[in-house]
Amino acid sequence: MAIAIPAIYRSTVGKKAVMAVTGGILVLYLVAHMIGNLKIFLGAEDFNHYAEWLRTMGEPAVPRRTVLTVIELVLGVSVVLHMWSAVSLGKRAAHARPVKYQSKKKSHAQGYAVRTMRYGGIIIAVYVVWHLLDLTFFALNPKGADATPYERMVADFDPSRWYITVWYVVAILLVGLHLNHGIWSAFQTLGLRTPRSHNALRGLAATTAALVTLGFVAVPVSITFGWVS
């Protein structure tokens, strides 16, 4: 059994399954994170209370920030495995087809999706690093560590920092495109796609991606335009 498990992970099917499962974990996190971000529309007190709750989950059964740390570790492992699977599958596909097809009839939609996932994934990775430095470690935030979560968020997307809002929106739009293609691919990998479920799953992937995108974009845009201050 100890030999069979690594063999599964080394297979194309195994890599696709790892990518689908880790992608699912990341999607669930994005939805939860988006819902939490939207609490900023309820005001500073509610948003700050939510931010504090994230750090006190599980108390007094476990020490402060224990649950949040576990979540962060799971997310970190999921990101690494997701990227590893994507790179491994990309290399395997390239080795399996060393000579590019000469046909002019290659699917433009497929090529666009692949480029979006590949280059969009790189930009998303850069965005995640920036986001952590900004709102987790406070190294890039105008208010720093001494401010409240609400103050840091509002300062981040202040109208004078419109370029940060543009950068954030572009990154989130790429996340949306990544989600749409990724969720659909996961359905296929996990064998959920059938002729009968095709349209429903397509719609579910697109709707989920659209809602997550709109939910994340709503906050910085509202702050930049002065609707939240």
C-alpha atoms as a PDB file:
ATOM      1  CA  MET A   1       0.000   0.000   0.000  1.00  0.00           C
ATOM      2  CA  ALA A   2       2.903   2.334   0.774  1.00  0.00           C
ATOM      3  CA  ILE A   3       4.095   1.884  -2.825  1.00  0.00           C
ATOM      4  CA  ALA A   4       0.671   2.266  -4.435  1.00  0.00           C
ATOM      5  CA  ILE A   5      -0.079   5.694  -2.937  1.00  0.00           C
ATOM      6  CA  PRO A   6       2.980   7.505  -4.405  1.00  0.00           C
ATOM      7  CA  ALA A   7       2.262   5.786  -7.717  1.00  0.00           C
ATOM      8  CA  ILE A   8      -1.201   7.314  -7.720  1.00  0.00           C
ATOM      9  CA  TYR A   9       0.198  10.769  -7.104  1.00  0.00           C
ATOM     10  CA  ARG A  10       2.721  10.304  -9.890  1.00  0.00           C
ATOM     11  CA  SER A  11      -0.002   9.526 -12.411  1.00  0.00           C
ATOM     12  CA  THR A  12      -1.764  12.155 -14.517  1.00  0.00           C
ATOM     13  CA  VAL A  13      -5.096  11.236 -12.959  1.00  0.00           C
ATOM     14  CA  GLY A  14      -3.615  11.583  -9.485  1.00  0.00           C
ATOM     15  CA  LYS A  15      -2.160  15.003 -10.228  1.00  0.00           C
ATOM     16  CA  LYS A  16      -5.490  16.166 -11.666  1.00  0.00           C
ATOM     17  CA  ALA A  17      -7.305  14.865  -8.595  1.00  0.00           C
ATOM     18  CA  VAL A  18      -4.881  16.712  -6.273  1.00  0.00           C
ATOM     19  CA  MET A  19      -5.379  19.863  -8.308  1.00  0.00           C
ATOM     20  CA  ALA A  20      -9.167  19.506  -8.178  1.00  0.00           C
ATOM     21  CA  VAL A  21      -9.336  18.837  -4.425  1.00  0.00           C
ATOM     22  CA  THR A  22      -6.884  21.595  -3.466  1.00  0.00           C
ATOM     23  CA  GLY A  23      -8.685  23.926  -5.845  1.00  0.00           C
ATOM     24  CA  GLY A  24     -11.949  23.115  -4.066  1.00  0.00           C
ATOM     25  CA  ILE A  25     -10.393  23.996  -0.708  1.00  0.00           C
ATOM     26  CA  LEU A  26      -9.181  27.319  -2.101  1.00  0.00           C
ATOM     27  CA  VAL A  27     -12.593  28.093  -3.606  1.00  0.00           C
ATOM     28  CA  LEU A  28     -14.303  27.494  -0.254  1.00  0.00           C
ATOM     29  CA  TYR A  29     -11.765  29.784   1.393  1.00  0.00           C
ATOM     30  CA  LEU A  30     -12.335  32.512  -1.196  1.00  0.00           C
ATOM     31  CA  VAL A  31     -16.097  32.379  -0.662  1.00  0.00           C
ATOM     32  CA  ALA A  32     -15.698  32.587   3.139  1.00  0.00           C
ATOM     33  CA  HIS A  33     -13.112  35.376   2.822  1.00  0.00           C
ATOM     34  CA  MET A  34     -15.381  37.320   0.473  1.00  0.00           C
ATOM     35  CA  ILE A  35     -18.311  37.077   2.885  1.00  0.00           C
ATOM     36  CA  GLY A  36     -16.076  38.318   5.682  1.00  0.00           C
ATOM     37  CA  ASN A  37     -14.850  41.257   3.592  1.00  0.00           C
ATOM     38  CA  LEU A  38     -18.427  42.307   2.848  1.00  0.00           C
ATOM     39  CA  LYS A  39     -18.965  42.908   6.571  1.00  0.00           C
ATOM     40  CA  ILE A  40     -17.182  46.215   6.026  1.00  0.00           C
ATOM     41  CA  PHE A  41     -20.523  47.522   4.715  1.00  0.00           C
ATOM     42  CA  LEU A  42     -21.981  46.962   8.204  1.00  0.00           C
ATOM     43  CA  GLY A  43     -19.561  49.488   9.678  1.00  0.00           C
ATOM     44  CA  ALA A  44     -16.273  49.616  11.544  1.00  0.00           C
ATOM     45  CA  GLU A  45     -17.492  47.916  14.715  1.00  0.00           C
ATOM     46  CA  ASP A  46     -18.874  44.852  12.933  1.00  0.00           C
ATOM     47  CA  PHE A  47     -15.858  44.524  10.651  1.00  0.00           C
ATOM     48  CA  ASN A  48     -13.354  44.841  13.493  1.00  0.00           C
ATOM     49  CA  HIS A  49     -15.358  42.361  15.576  1.00  0.00           C
ATOM     50  CA  TYR A  50     -15.236  39.878  12.700  1.00  0.00           C
ATOM     51  CA  ALA A  51     -11.471  40.349  12.333  1.00  0.00           C
ATOM     52  CA  GLU A  52     -10.989  39.736  16.052  1.00  0.00           C
ATOM     53  CA  TRP A  53     -13.251  36.658  15.945  1.00  0.00           C
ATOM     54  CA  LEU A  54     -10.985  35.105  13.326  1.00  0.00           C
ATOM     55  CA  ARG A  55      -8.148  35.201  15.848  1.00  0.00           C
ATOM     56  CA  THR A  56     -10.176  33.951  18.816  1.00  0.00           C
ATOM     57  CA  MET A  57     -11.970  31.009  17.146  1.00  0.00           C
ATOM     58  CA  GLY A  58     -11.864  27.969  19.403  1.00  0.00           C
ATOM     59  CA  GLU A  59     -11.172  29.855  22.631  1.00  0.00           C
ATOM     60  CA  PRO A  60     -10.977  28.889  25.425  1.00  0.00           C
ATOM     61  CA  ALA A  61     -10.611  25.267  24.269  1.00  0.00           C
ATOM     62  CA  VAL A  62      -7.473  26.169  22.334  1.00  0.00           C
ATOM     63  CA  PRO A  63      -5.106  29.154  22.583  1.00  0.00           C
ATOM     64  CA  ARG A  64      -5.712  32.342  20.652  1.00  0.00           C
ATOM     65  CA  ARG A  65      -5.132  32.106  16.903  1.00  0.00           C
ATOM     66  CA  THR A  66      -4.774  28.306  16.924  1.00  0.00           C
ATOM     67  CA  VAL A  67      -7.675  27.624  14.573  1.00  0.00           C
ATOM     68  CA  LEU A  68      -6.661  30.475  12.251  1.00  0.00           C
ATOM     69  CA  THR A  69      -3.102  29.122  12.126  1.00  0.00           C
ATOM     70  CA  VAL A  70      -4.372  25.650  11.219  1.00  0.00           C
ATOM     71  CA  ILE A  71      -6.501  27.163   8.443  1.00  0.00           C
ATOM     72  CA  GLU A  72      -3.488  29.103   7.150  1.00  0.00           C
ATOM     73  CA  LEU A  73      -1.363  25.936   7.136  1.00  0.00           C
ATOM     74  CA  VAL A  74      -4.029  24.009   5.221  1.00  0.00           C
ATOM     75  CA  LEU A  75      -4.291  26.852   2.723  1.00  0.00           C
ATOM     76  CA  GLY A  76      -0.511  27.040   2.350  1.00  0.00           C
ATOM     77  CA  VAL A  77      -0.221  23.309   1.677  1.00  0.00           C
ATOM     78  CA  SER A  78      -3.162  23.499  -0.732  1.00  0.00           C
ATOM     79  CA  VAL A  79      -1.548  26.338  -2.694  1.00  0.00           C
ATOM     80  CA  VAL A  80       1.772  24.483  -2.941  1.00  0.00           C
ATOM     81  CA  LEU A  81       0.124  21.221  -4.049  1.00  0.00           C
ATOM     82  CA  HIS A  82      -2.139  23.078  -6.479  1.00  0.00           C
ATOM     83  CA  MET A  83       0.787  24.858  -8.120  1.00  0.00           C
ATOM     84  CA  TRP A  84       2.908  21.698  -8.112  1.00  0.00           C
ATOM     85  CA  SER A  85       0.135  19.769  -9.836  1.00  0.00           C
ATOM     86  CA  ALA A  86      -0.342  22.522 -12.427  1.00  0.00           C
ATOM     87  CA  VAL A  87       3.379  22.713 -13.232  1.00  0.00           C
ATOM     88  CA  SER A  88       3.733  18.917 -13.334  1.00  0.00           C
ATOM     89  CA  LEU A  89       0.754  18.513 -15.647  1.00  0.00           C
ATOM     90  CA  GLY A  90       2.044  21.304 -17.888  1.00  0.00           C
ATOM     91  CA  LYS A  91       5.464  19.666 -18.178  1.00  0.00           C
ATOM     92  CA  ARG A  92       3.910  16.266 -18.835  1.00  0.00           C
ATOM     93  CA  ALA A  93       1.723  17.687 -21.598  1.00  0.00           C
ATOM     94  CA  ALA A  94       4.724  19.431 -23.181  1.00  0.00           C
ATOM     95  CA  HIS A  95       6.801  16.240 -23.121  1.00  0.00           C
ATOM     96  CA  ALA A  96       3.957  14.222 -24.567  1.00  0.00           C
ATOM     97  CA  ARG A  97       3.662  16.673 -27.467  1.00  0.00           C
ATOM     98  CA  PRO A  98       7.173  17.999 -28.215  1.00  0.00           C
ATOM     99  CA  VAL A  99       6.193  19.134 -31.709  1.00  0.00           C
ATOM    100  CA  LYS A 100       3.476  21.751 -31.898  1.00  0.00           C
ATOM    101  CA  TYR A 101       0.462  21.012 -33.992  1.00  0.00           C
ATOM    102  CA  GLN A 102       0.597  22.627 -37.417  1.00  0.00           C
ATOM    103  CA  SER A 103      -3.154  22.634 -37.833  1.00  0.00           C
ATOM    104  CA  LYS A 104      -4.764  26.059 -38.075  1.00  0.00           C
ATOM    105  CA  LYS A 105      -7.937  24.654 -36.584  1.00  0.00           C
ATOM    106  CA  LYS A 106      -6.685  24.525 -33.036  1.00  0.00           C
ATOM    107  CA  SER A 107      -9.319  25.715 -30.571  1.00  0.00           C
ATOM    108  CA  HIS A 108      -8.778  29.396 -29.816  1.00  0.00           C
ATOM    109  CA  ALA A 109     -10.966  29.063 -26.723  1.00  0.00           C
ATOM    110  CA  GLN A 110      -8.812  26.249 -25.379  1.00  0.00           C
ATOM    111  CA  GLY A 111      -5.609  28.163 -26.051  1.00  0.00           C
ATOM    112  CA  TYR A 112      -7.027  31.263 -24.353  1.00  0.00           C
ATOM    113  CA  ALA A 113      -8.086  29.237 -21.318  1.00  0.00           C
ATOM    114  CA  VAL A 114      -4.641  27.668 -20.980  1.00  0.00           C
ATOM    115  CA  ARG A 115      -2.872  31.038 -21.249  1.00  0.00           C
ATOM    116  CA  THR A 116      -5.292  32.573 -18.760  1.00  0.00           C
ATOM    117  CA  MET A 117      -4.684  29.810 -16.226  1.00  0.00           C
ATOM    118  CA  ARG A 118      -0.903  29.871 -16.736  1.00  0.00           C
ATOM    119  CA  TYR A 119      -0.102  33.594 -16.792  1.00  0.00           C
ATOM    120  CA  GLY A 120      -3.084  34.570 -14.680  1.00  0.00           C
ATOM    121  CA  GLY A 121      -1.873  32.111 -12.047  1.00  0.00           C
ATOM    122  CA  ILE A 122       1.513  33.849 -11.918  1.00  0.00           C
ATOM    123  CA  ILE A 123      -0.105  37.264 -11.450  1.00  0.00           C
ATOM    124  CA  ILE A 124      -2.416  35.837  -8.788  1.00  0.00           C
ATOM    125  CA  ALA A 125       0.623  34.410  -6.946  1.00  0.00           C
ATOM    126  CA  VAL A 126       2.256  37.862  -6.980  1.00  0.00           C
ATOM    127  CA  TYR A 127      -1.014  39.374  -5.753  1.00  0.00           C
ATOM    128  CA  VAL A 128      -1.235  36.892  -2.860  1.00  0.00           C
ATOM    129  CA  VAL A 129       2.288  37.833  -1.719  1.00  0.00           C
ATOM    130  CA  TRP A 130       1.408  41.540  -1.925  1.00  0.00           C
ATOM    131  CA  HIS A 131      -1.876  40.955  -0.081  1.00  0.00           C
ATOM    132  CA  LEU A 132      -0.117  39.131   2.758  1.00  0.00           C
ATOM    133  CA  LEU A 133       2.529  41.844   3.101  1.00  0.00           C
ATOM    134  CA  ASP A 134      -0.225  44.459   3.074  1.00  0.00           C
ATOM    135  CA  LEU A 135      -3.023  43.190   5.303  1.00  0.00           C
ATOM    136  CA  THR A 136      -1.463  40.291   7.223  1.00  0.00           C
ATOM    137  CA  PHE A 137       2.052  41.517   8.034  1.00  0.00           C
ATOM    138  CA  PHE A 138       1.169  45.226   7.530  1.00  0.00           C
ATOM    139  CA  ALA A 139       4.516  45.959   5.866  1.00  0.00           C
ATOM    140  CA  LEU A 140       2.885  47.696   2.886  1.00  0.00           C
ATOM    141  CA  ASN A 141      -0.180  49.142   4.574  1.00  0.00           C
ATOM    142  CA  PRO A 142      -0.272  52.947   5.071  1.00  0.00           C
ATOM    143  CA  LYS A 143      -1.603  52.583   8.636  1.00  0.00           C
ATOM    144  CA  GLY A 144       0.679  49.765   9.742  1.00  0.00           C
ATOM    145  CA  ALA A 145       0.125  47.388  12.638  1.00  0.00           C
ATOM    146  CA  ASP A 146      -1.218  49.946  15.130  1.00  0.00           C
ATOM    147  CA  ALA A 147      -4.486  50.628  13.266  1.00  0.00           C
ATOM    148  CA  THR A 148      -7.709  48.629  13.359  1.00  0.00           C
ATOM    149  CA  PRO A 149      -8.554  46.234  10.506  1.00  0.00           C
ATOM    150  CA  TYR A 150     -11.233  48.665   9.301  1.00  0.00           C
ATOM    151  CA  GLU A 151      -8.792  51.594   9.274  1.00  0.00           C
ATOM    152  CA  ARG A 152      -6.196  49.568   7.388  1.00  0.00           C
ATOM    153  CA  MET A 153      -8.702  48.509   4.739  1.00  0.00           C
ATOM    154  CA  VAL A 154     -10.002  52.054   4.212  1.00  0.00           C
ATOM    155  CA  ALA A 155      -6.470  53.492   4.075  1.00  0.00           C
ATOM    156  CA  ASP A 156      -5.433  50.856   1.561  1.00  0.00           C
ATOM    157  CA  PHE A 157      -7.996  51.898  -1.032  1.00  0.00           C
ATOM    158  CA  ASP A 158      -8.109  55.608  -0.299  1.00  0.00           C
ATOM    159  CA  PRO A 159      -8.920  57.665  -3.447  1.00  0.00           C
ATOM    160  CA  SER A 160      -5.334  58.973  -3.470  1.00  0.00           C
ATOM    161  CA  ARG A 161      -4.174  55.360  -3.859  1.00  0.00           C
ATOM    162  CA  TRP A 162      -6.393  54.634  -6.874  1.00  0.00           C
ATOM    163  CA  TYR A 163      -3.579  52.672  -8.519  1.00  0.00           C
ATOM    164  CA  ILE A 164      -3.770  50.110  -5.696  1.00  0.00           C
ATOM    165  CA  THR A 165      -7.487  49.725  -6.354  1.00  0.00           C
ATOM    166  CA  VAL A 166      -6.821  49.224 -10.070  1.00  0.00           C
ATOM    167  CA  TRP A 167      -4.144  46.612  -9.288  1.00  0.00           C
ATOM    168  CA  TYR A 168      -6.495  44.838  -6.869  1.00  0.00           C
ATOM    169  CA  VAL A 169      -9.402  44.821  -9.335  1.00  0.00           C
ATOM    170  CA  VAL A 170      -7.237  43.481 -12.171  1.00  0.00           C
ATOM    171  CA  ALA A 171      -5.933  40.708  -9.912  1.00  0.00           C
ATOM    172  CA  ILE A 172      -9.448  39.793  -8.782  1.00  0.00           C
ATOM    173  CA  LEU A 173     -10.722  39.704 -12.370  1.00  0.00           C
ATOM    174  CA  LEU A 174      -7.955  37.203 -13.127  1.00  0.00           C
ATOM    175  CA  VAL A 175      -8.992  35.233 -10.055  1.00  0.00           C
ATOM    176  CA  GLY A 176     -12.519  35.143 -11.479  1.00  0.00           C
ATOM    177  CA  LEU A 177     -11.324  33.839 -14.849  1.00  0.00           C
ATOM    178  CA  HIS A 178      -9.137  31.307 -13.054  1.00  0.00           C
ATOM    179  CA  LEU A 179     -12.095  30.175 -10.945  1.00  0.00           C
ATOM    180  CA  ASN A 180     -14.443  29.803 -13.883  1.00  0.00           C
ATOM    181  CA  HIS A 181     -12.058  27.577 -15.814  1.00  0.00           C
ATOM    182  CA  GLY A 182     -10.739  25.814 -12.708  1.00  0.00           C
ATOM    183  CA  ILE A 183     -14.125  24.891 -11.243  1.00  0.00           C
ATOM    184  CA  TRP A 184     -15.293  23.558 -14.588  1.00  0.00           C
ATOM    185  CA  SER A 185     -12.096  21.537 -15.004  1.00  0.00           C
ATOM    186  CA  ALA A 186     -12.526  20.131 -11.477  1.00  0.00           C
ATOM    187  CA  PHE A 187     -16.032  18.938 -12.324  1.00  0.00           C
ATOM    188  CA  GLN A 188     -14.617  17.124 -15.332  1.00  0.00           C
ATOM    189  CA  THR A 189     -11.670  15.673 -13.393  1.00  0.00           C
ATOM    190  CA  LEU A 190     -13.923  14.362 -10.623  1.00  0.00           C
ATOM    191  CA  GLY A 191     -16.215  12.733 -13.172  1.00  0.00           C
ATOM    192  CA  LEU A 192     -19.241  14.898 -12.367  1.00  0.00           C
ATOM    193  CA  ARG A 193     -19.781  16.105 -15.919  1.00  0.00           C
ATOM    194  CA  THR A 194     -22.400  14.245 -17.927  1.00  0.00           C
ATOM    195  CA  PRO A 195     -24.404  15.311 -20.994  1.00  0.00           C
ATOM    196  CA  ARG A 196     -27.326  16.008 -18.678  1.00  0.00           C
ATOM    197  CA  SER A 197     -25.338  17.996 -16.106  1.00  0.00           C
ATOM    198  CA  HIS A 198     -23.098  19.845 -18.594  1.00  0.00           C
ATOM    199  CA  ASN A 199     -25.069  23.108 -18.776  1.00  0.00           C
ATOM    200  CA  ALA A 200     -25.878  23.158 -15.058  1.00  0.00           C
ATOM    201  CA  LEU A 201     -22.236  22.689 -14.056  1.00  0.00           C
ATOM    202  CA  ARG A 202     -21.097  25.270 -16.602  1.00  0.00           C
ATOM    203  CA  GLY A 203     -23.581  27.701 -15.112  1.00  0.00           C
ATOM    204  CA  LEU A 204     -22.504  26.864 -11.560  1.00  0.00           C
ATOM    205  CA  ALA A 205     -18.843  27.478 -12.391  1.00  0.00           C
ATOM    206  CA  ALA A 206     -19.583  30.793 -14.106  1.00  0.00           C
ATOM    207  CA  THR A 207     -21.986  31.966 -11.380  1.00  0.00           C
ATOM    208  CA  THR A 208     -19.589  31.109  -8.556  1.00  0.00           C
ATOM    209  CA  ALA A 209     -16.732  32.899 -10.307  1.00  0.00           C
ATOM    210  CA  ALA A 210     -18.899  35.958 -11.000  1.00  0.00           C
ATOM    211  CA  LEU A 211     -20.204  36.224  -7.421  1.00  0.00           C
ATOM    212  CA  VAL A 212     -16.723  35.859  -5.900  1.00  0.00           C
ATOM    213  CA  THR A 213     -15.338  38.463  -8.306  1.00  0.00           C
ATOM    214  CA  LEU A 214     -18.121  40.971  -7.626  1.00  0.00           C
ATOM    215  CA  GLY A 215     -17.923  40.372  -3.877  1.00  0.00           C
ATOM    216  CA  PHE A 216     -14.198  41.078  -3.707  1.00  0.00           C
ATOM    217  CA  VAL A 217     -14.283  44.028  -6.129  1.00  0.00           C
ATOM    218  CA  ALA A 218     -17.171  45.714  -4.294  1.00  0.00           C
ATOM    219  CA  VAL A 219     -15.070  46.605  -1.243  1.00  0.00           C
ATOM    220  CA  PRO A 220     -12.096  48.471  -2.782  1.00  0.00           C
ATOM    221  CA  VAL A 221     -14.288  50.190  -5.379  1.00  0.00           C
ATOM    222  CA  SER A 222     -16.715  51.393  -2.679  1.00  0.00           C
ATOM    223  CA  ILE A 223     -13.861  52.774  -0.581  1.00  0.00           C
ATOM    224  CA  THR A 224     -12.173  54.494  -3.527  1.00  0.00           C
ATOM    225  CA  PHE A 225     -15.427  56.180  -4.578  1.00  0.00           C
ATOM    226  CA  GLY A 226     -16.185  57.255  -1.010  1.00  0.00           C
ATOM    227  CA  TRP A 227     -19.178  54.993  -0.387  1.00  0.00           C
ATOM    228  CA  VAL A 228     -17.302  53.471   2.561  1.00  0.00           C
ATOM    229  CA  SER A 229     -15.048  55.659   4.671  1.00  0.00           C
END
